[in-house]
Amino acid sequence: MKTAQKLTAFKTILTKEVMRFLRIWVQTLVPPAITMTLYFVIFGNLIGSQIGDMDGFKYIEYIIPGLIMMSVITNSYSNVVSTFFTAKMFGHIQEMLISPVPNHIILMGYIGGGMARGLMVGLIVTLVSLFFSSLTIQHPFITIAVVVLTSMLFSIAGLINAIYAKSFDDITIIPTFVLTPLTYLGGVFYSINMLSDFWQNVSLANPVLYMVNGFRYGILGVSDISPVASFSLLAVFIVALYGFAYYLLKKGVGIRS
C-alpha cells in the first residue's frame, strides 16, 4: 500500500473507534465523571478534611492527579479490550487481516481509539476536579507526555487481553484481578513514604506507581518516584507490549485459530 492509502486506512479505523464510543457517550463518558465526582466528595472533601496536608498540599489536591490517571488507565484499557474482542468475535478483524492493510496500521488504529477515549475521559475528570480545587500545572510537558504515554500503554495492554480472550468473561478477568488492584495500590490515595521500608520496596514493583507519580510530578511538582524512572518504565513497557501485540496479530493468535 502507498503512504496515502495507509493514512486513509488508519483514519478510517480511528474514526470508527472514536465514533463508536461517542455514539454511546452516556455509557462511556458520563459514568467515569460521576464516579470521580464521588471520589472527590468522599475521599477529597469528607475524609481529606480529617487527614490534613500531604507533601505540602491539601489531601484533595494530592489525590486529584492520581484519580485523573486512574480514569485514563481504566478507560483506555476497557475501550480497546471490548471493541477489539467484539470485532474478533464478529469477524471484522479477520477481514482486515486478509486485506492489504498492514498489521501495524490496524494496531495503531485501535490503540488510537483507546487513547482518544482515555484522554477524553481524563479531560472531563480534570474539568470536574476544578469544582473542588484549583490546579496549577507545574510542568506542562511532563504532564502531557506522561498521560499520553500511559493511555497508549494501557490501550496496547487491552488489545493483548482481547487477543487472548475467548469469551466476554475473559475480558473482565485482567481488569478485575490485576488492573484494579495495581491502580488502587499505585499511590493514588497515599504516598509510599507513609509505608514501612518493606512495603515501600514492594510498591516499587507496581508499574502504575511510576505513572501516577510521574503525572503528579507534572501537576504538583512532587513525587515519590523520579520522573526519569517514570518515563523509562513507560518507554520500555510500550516498546515491549507493542512488539508483542504486533507479533500476536501477525501470527493470528486467538484470531485465525
Protein backbone atom coordinates (compact mmCIF):
# COMPACT_ATOMS: atom_id res chain seq x y z
CA MET A 1 0.00 0.00 0.00
CA LYS A 2 1.07 3.54 -0.68
CA THR A 3 1.57 6.01 2.16
CA ALA A 4 -1.64 7.88 1.33
CA GLN A 5 -3.61 4.62 1.35
CA LYS A 6 -2.10 3.63 4.69
CA LEU A 7 -3.06 7.00 6.11
CA THR A 8 -6.60 6.60 4.84
CA ALA A 9 -6.85 3.13 6.39
CA PHE A 10 -5.57 4.47 9.72
CA LYS A 11 -8.02 7.38 9.68
CA THR A 12 -10.88 5.01 8.85
CA ILE A 13 -10.15 2.65 11.75
CA LEU A 14 -9.52 5.52 14.16
CA THR A 15 -12.69 7.37 13.14
CA LYS A 16 -14.73 4.19 13.52
CA GLU A 17 -13.33 3.63 17.03
CA VAL A 18 -13.90 7.21 18.14
CA MET A 19 -17.43 7.37 16.75
CA ARG A 20 -18.22 4.07 18.46
CA PHE A 21 -17.72 5.42 21.98
CA LEU A 22 -19.08 8.87 21.13
CA ARG A 23 -22.37 7.37 19.94
CA ILE A 24 -22.88 5.82 23.37
CA TRP A 25 -21.35 8.71 25.35
CA VAL A 26 -23.88 8.22 28.14
CA GLN A 27 -22.26 4.82 28.80
CA THR A 28 -18.63 5.69 28.03
CA LEU A 29 -18.05 9.30 29.12
CA VAL A 30 -20.62 10.12 31.77
CA PRO A 31 -20.12 7.23 34.27
CA PRO A 32 -16.39 7.98 34.85
CA ALA A 33 -17.23 11.63 35.54
CA ILE A 34 -19.88 10.62 38.09
CA THR A 35 -17.59 8.06 39.73
CA MET A 36 -14.72 10.52 40.08
CA THR A 37 -17.08 13.17 41.43
CA LEU A 38 -17.97 10.76 44.22
CA TYR A 39 -14.27 10.18 44.88
CA PHE A 40 -13.68 13.92 45.09
CA VAL A 41 -16.59 14.39 47.50
CA ILE A 42 -15.97 11.37 49.74
CA PHE A 43 -12.19 11.00 49.74
CA GLY A 44 -11.25 14.56 48.92
CA ASN A 45 -13.64 16.66 50.98
CA LEU A 46 -15.03 14.41 53.71
CA ILE A 47 -12.09 12.12 54.50
CA GLY A 48 -9.47 14.57 53.27
CA SER A 49 -10.52 17.19 55.81
CA GLN A 50 -9.65 14.68 58.55
CA ILE A 51 -6.32 13.67 57.04
CA GLY A 52 -4.85 17.13 56.57
CA ASP A 53 -1.98 18.08 54.26
CA MET A 54 0.21 15.64 52.33
CA ASP A 55 3.58 16.72 50.95
CA GLY A 56 2.56 20.33 51.49
CA PHE A 57 -0.76 20.06 49.63
CA LYS A 58 -4.34 19.62 50.71
CA TYR A 59 -5.32 15.97 50.51
CA ILE A 60 -7.80 16.57 47.69
CA GLU A 61 -5.12 18.38 45.69
CA TYR A 62 -2.76 15.47 46.27
CA ILE A 63 -5.16 12.78 45.04
CA ILE A 64 -6.55 14.65 42.01
CA PRO A 65 -3.64 13.69 39.68
CA GLY A 66 -3.97 10.05 40.75
CA LEU A 67 -7.72 9.99 40.15
CA ILE A 68 -7.29 11.57 36.71
CA MET A 69 -4.66 8.98 35.85
CA MET A 70 -6.85 6.16 37.18
CA SER A 71 -9.67 7.22 34.87
CA VAL A 72 -7.31 7.40 31.89
CA ILE A 73 -5.88 3.95 32.59
CA THR A 74 -9.26 2.30 33.08
CA ASN A 75 -10.93 3.79 30.02
CA SER A 76 -8.01 3.38 27.64
CA TYR A 77 -7.82 -0.29 28.56
CA SER A 78 -11.55 -1.04 28.57
CA ASN A 79 -12.19 0.67 25.23
CA VAL A 80 -9.70 -1.43 23.28
CA VAL A 81 -10.34 -4.74 25.03
CA SER A 82 -14.08 -4.51 24.40
CA THR A 83 -14.05 -3.21 20.83
CA PHE A 84 -11.26 -5.48 19.59
CA PHE A 85 -12.80 -8.57 21.17
CA THR A 86 -16.18 -7.72 19.64
CA ALA A 87 -14.57 -7.21 16.24
CA LYS A 88 -12.79 -10.55 16.61
CA MET A 89 -15.98 -12.38 17.52
CA PHE A 90 -17.92 -10.93 14.56
CA GLY A 91 -15.10 -11.50 12.07
CA HIS A 92 -14.20 -7.86 11.43
CA ILE A 93 -10.53 -8.38 12.33
CA GLN A 94 -10.28 -11.43 10.09
CA GLU A 95 -11.50 -9.29 7.18
CA MET A 96 -8.83 -6.67 7.96
CA LEU A 97 -6.08 -9.29 8.17
CA ILE A 98 -6.79 -10.60 4.67
CA SER A 99 -6.91 -7.07 3.29
CA PRO A 100 -3.79 -5.16 2.13
CA VAL A 101 -3.84 -3.06 5.32
CA PRO A 102 -0.55 -3.61 7.23
CA ASN A 103 -0.81 -5.03 10.73
CA HIS A 104 0.82 -2.01 12.32
CA ILE A 105 -1.88 0.24 10.82
CA ILE A 106 -4.58 -1.96 12.36
CA LEU A 107 -2.78 -1.83 15.69
CA MET A 108 -2.34 1.93 15.64
CA GLY A 109 -5.97 2.46 14.68
CA TYR A 110 -7.30 0.51 17.65
CA ILE A 111 -4.67 1.91 20.01
CA GLY A 112 -5.53 5.43 18.84
CA GLY A 113 -9.20 4.81 19.61
CA GLY A 114 -8.37 3.68 23.14
CA MET A 115 -6.13 6.69 23.64
CA ALA A 116 -8.84 9.04 22.39
CA ARG A 117 -11.37 7.74 24.91
CA GLY A 118 -8.86 7.62 27.77
CA LEU A 119 -7.64 11.17 27.17
CA MET A 120 -11.17 12.49 26.67
CA VAL A 121 -12.32 10.99 29.96
CA GLY A 122 -9.16 12.33 31.61
CA LEU A 123 -10.01 15.81 30.36
CA ILE A 124 -13.59 15.51 31.64
CA VAL A 125 -12.38 14.38 35.07
CA THR A 126 -9.89 17.26 35.12
CA LEU A 127 -12.67 19.75 34.43
CA VAL A 128 -14.80 18.16 37.17
CA SER A 129 -11.89 18.44 39.62
CA LEU A 130 -11.81 22.21 39.11
CA PHE A 131 -15.10 22.42 41.02
CA PHE A 132 -13.32 21.02 44.08
CA SER A 133 -9.83 22.51 43.84
CA SER A 134 -7.75 24.77 41.62
CA LEU A 135 -4.99 23.11 39.62
CA THR A 136 -1.76 24.82 38.64
CA ILE A 137 0.31 22.63 36.35
CA GLN A 138 3.97 22.92 37.29
CA HIS A 139 5.45 21.02 34.35
CA PRO A 140 3.07 21.02 31.35
CA PHE A 141 5.30 18.96 29.03
CA ILE A 142 5.81 16.20 31.60
CA THR A 143 2.09 16.19 32.44
CA ILE A 144 1.01 15.79 28.82
CA ALA A 145 3.74 13.31 27.95
CA VAL A 146 3.01 11.02 30.89
CA VAL A 147 -0.75 10.91 30.35
CA VAL A 148 -0.41 10.33 26.58
CA LEU A 149 2.16 7.55 27.02
CA THR A 150 0.12 5.93 29.80
CA SER A 151 -3.03 5.89 27.69
CA MET A 152 -1.03 4.35 24.85
CA LEU A 153 0.44 1.68 27.11
CA PHE A 154 -2.89 0.54 28.52
CA SER A 155 -4.55 0.66 25.11
CA ILE A 156 -1.94 -1.83 23.92
CA ALA A 157 -2.44 -3.94 27.04
CA GLY A 158 -6.19 -4.00 26.42
CA LEU A 159 -5.62 -5.18 22.86
CA ILE A 160 -3.41 -8.05 24.06
CA ASN A 161 -6.10 -9.08 26.55
CA ALA A 162 -8.68 -9.04 23.74
CA ILE A 163 -6.48 -11.20 21.50
CA TYR A 164 -6.25 -13.94 24.10
CA ALA A 165 -9.86 -13.67 25.32
CA LYS A 166 -12.22 -16.42 24.22
CA SER A 167 -15.38 -15.12 25.87
CA PHE A 168 -16.76 -11.90 27.30
CA ASP A 169 -15.89 -13.20 30.77
CA ASP A 170 -12.22 -13.32 29.79
CA ILE A 171 -12.07 -9.59 29.07
CA THR A 172 -13.08 -8.80 32.65
CA ILE A 173 -10.54 -11.02 34.44
CA ILE A 174 -7.47 -8.83 33.96
CA PRO A 175 -9.22 -5.52 34.80
CA THR A 176 -10.83 -7.02 37.90
CA PHE A 177 -7.99 -9.08 39.36
CA VAL A 178 -4.90 -7.26 38.04
CA LEU A 179 -5.59 -3.74 36.81
CA THR A 180 -7.84 -2.58 39.66
CA PRO A 181 -5.55 -3.76 42.50
CA LEU A 182 -2.48 -2.28 40.81
CA THR A 183 -4.26 1.03 40.34
CA TYR A 184 -5.57 1.32 43.90
CA LEU A 185 -2.16 0.30 45.27
CA GLY A 186 -0.34 2.62 42.87
CA GLY A 187 -0.16 5.65 45.15
CA VAL A 188 -3.41 7.25 44.03
CA PHE A 189 -4.60 7.90 47.58
CA TYR A 190 -1.34 7.96 49.50
CA SER A 191 2.40 8.50 49.39
CA ILE A 192 4.54 5.38 49.66
CA ASN A 193 6.66 7.29 52.19
CA MET A 194 3.84 6.52 54.63
CA LEU A 195 4.60 2.79 54.32
CA SER A 196 7.25 0.71 56.07
CA ASP A 197 10.50 0.03 54.23
CA PHE A 198 9.35 -3.46 53.26
CA TRP A 199 6.08 -2.28 51.70
CA GLN A 200 7.82 0.63 50.02
CA ASN A 201 10.07 -1.86 48.25
CA VAL A 202 7.05 -3.99 47.33
CA SER A 203 5.27 -0.92 45.96
CA LEU A 204 8.23 -0.17 43.69
CA ALA A 205 7.36 -3.33 41.74
CA ASN A 206 3.99 -1.81 40.79
CA PRO A 207 4.32 -0.11 37.36
CA VAL A 208 1.21 2.03 37.95
CA LEU A 209 3.03 3.74 40.82
CA TYR A 210 5.51 5.24 38.34
CA MET A 211 2.78 6.56 36.07
CA VAL A 212 0.72 8.09 38.87
CA ASN A 213 3.76 9.74 40.41
CA GLY A 214 5.06 10.95 37.07
CA PHE A 215 1.71 12.61 36.41
CA ARG A 216 1.58 14.00 39.97
CA TYR A 217 5.04 15.48 39.50
CA GLY A 218 3.92 17.17 36.29
CA ILE A 219 0.94 18.81 38.02
CA LEU A 220 2.08 19.40 41.59
CA GLY A 221 5.85 19.19 41.32
CA VAL A 222 6.12 16.47 43.99
CA SER A 223 6.64 12.75 43.53
CA ASP A 224 7.79 9.60 45.30
CA ILE A 225 9.45 8.46 42.07
CA SER A 226 11.95 10.19 39.80
CA PRO A 227 10.33 11.45 36.56
CA VAL A 228 13.21 9.83 34.67
CA ALA A 229 12.25 6.46 36.14
CA SER A 230 8.61 7.05 35.14
CA PHE A 231 9.48 7.84 31.52
CA SER A 232 11.98 4.98 31.33
CA LEU A 233 9.42 2.45 32.53
CA LEU A 234 6.77 3.77 30.16
CA ALA A 235 9.14 3.59 27.19
CA VAL A 236 10.25 0.04 27.96
CA PHE A 237 6.71 -1.25 28.51
CA ILE A 238 5.32 0.45 25.40
CA VAL A 239 8.03 -0.95 23.14
CA ALA A 240 7.77 -4.43 24.66
CA LEU A 241 3.97 -4.66 24.62
CA TYR A 242 3.62 -3.13 21.15
CA GLY A 243 6.15 -5.61 19.77
CA PHE A 244 4.30 -8.46 21.47
CA ALA A 245 0.91 -7.27 20.20
CA TYR A 246 2.28 -6.97 16.66
CA TYR A 247 3.68 -10.50 16.88
CA LEU A 248 0.35 -11.89 18.09
CA LEU A 249 -1.60 -10.13 15.36
CA LYS A 250 0.84 -11.23 12.68
CA LYS A 251 0.66 -14.85 13.81
CA GLY A 252 -3.11 -14.68 14.14
CA VAL A 253 -3.05 -15.88 17.74
CA GLY A 254 -6.59 -16.14 19.05
CA ILE A 255 -7.94 -14.97 15.70
CA ARG A 256 -7.15 -17.46 12.96
CA SER A 257 -7.18 -20.48 15.22
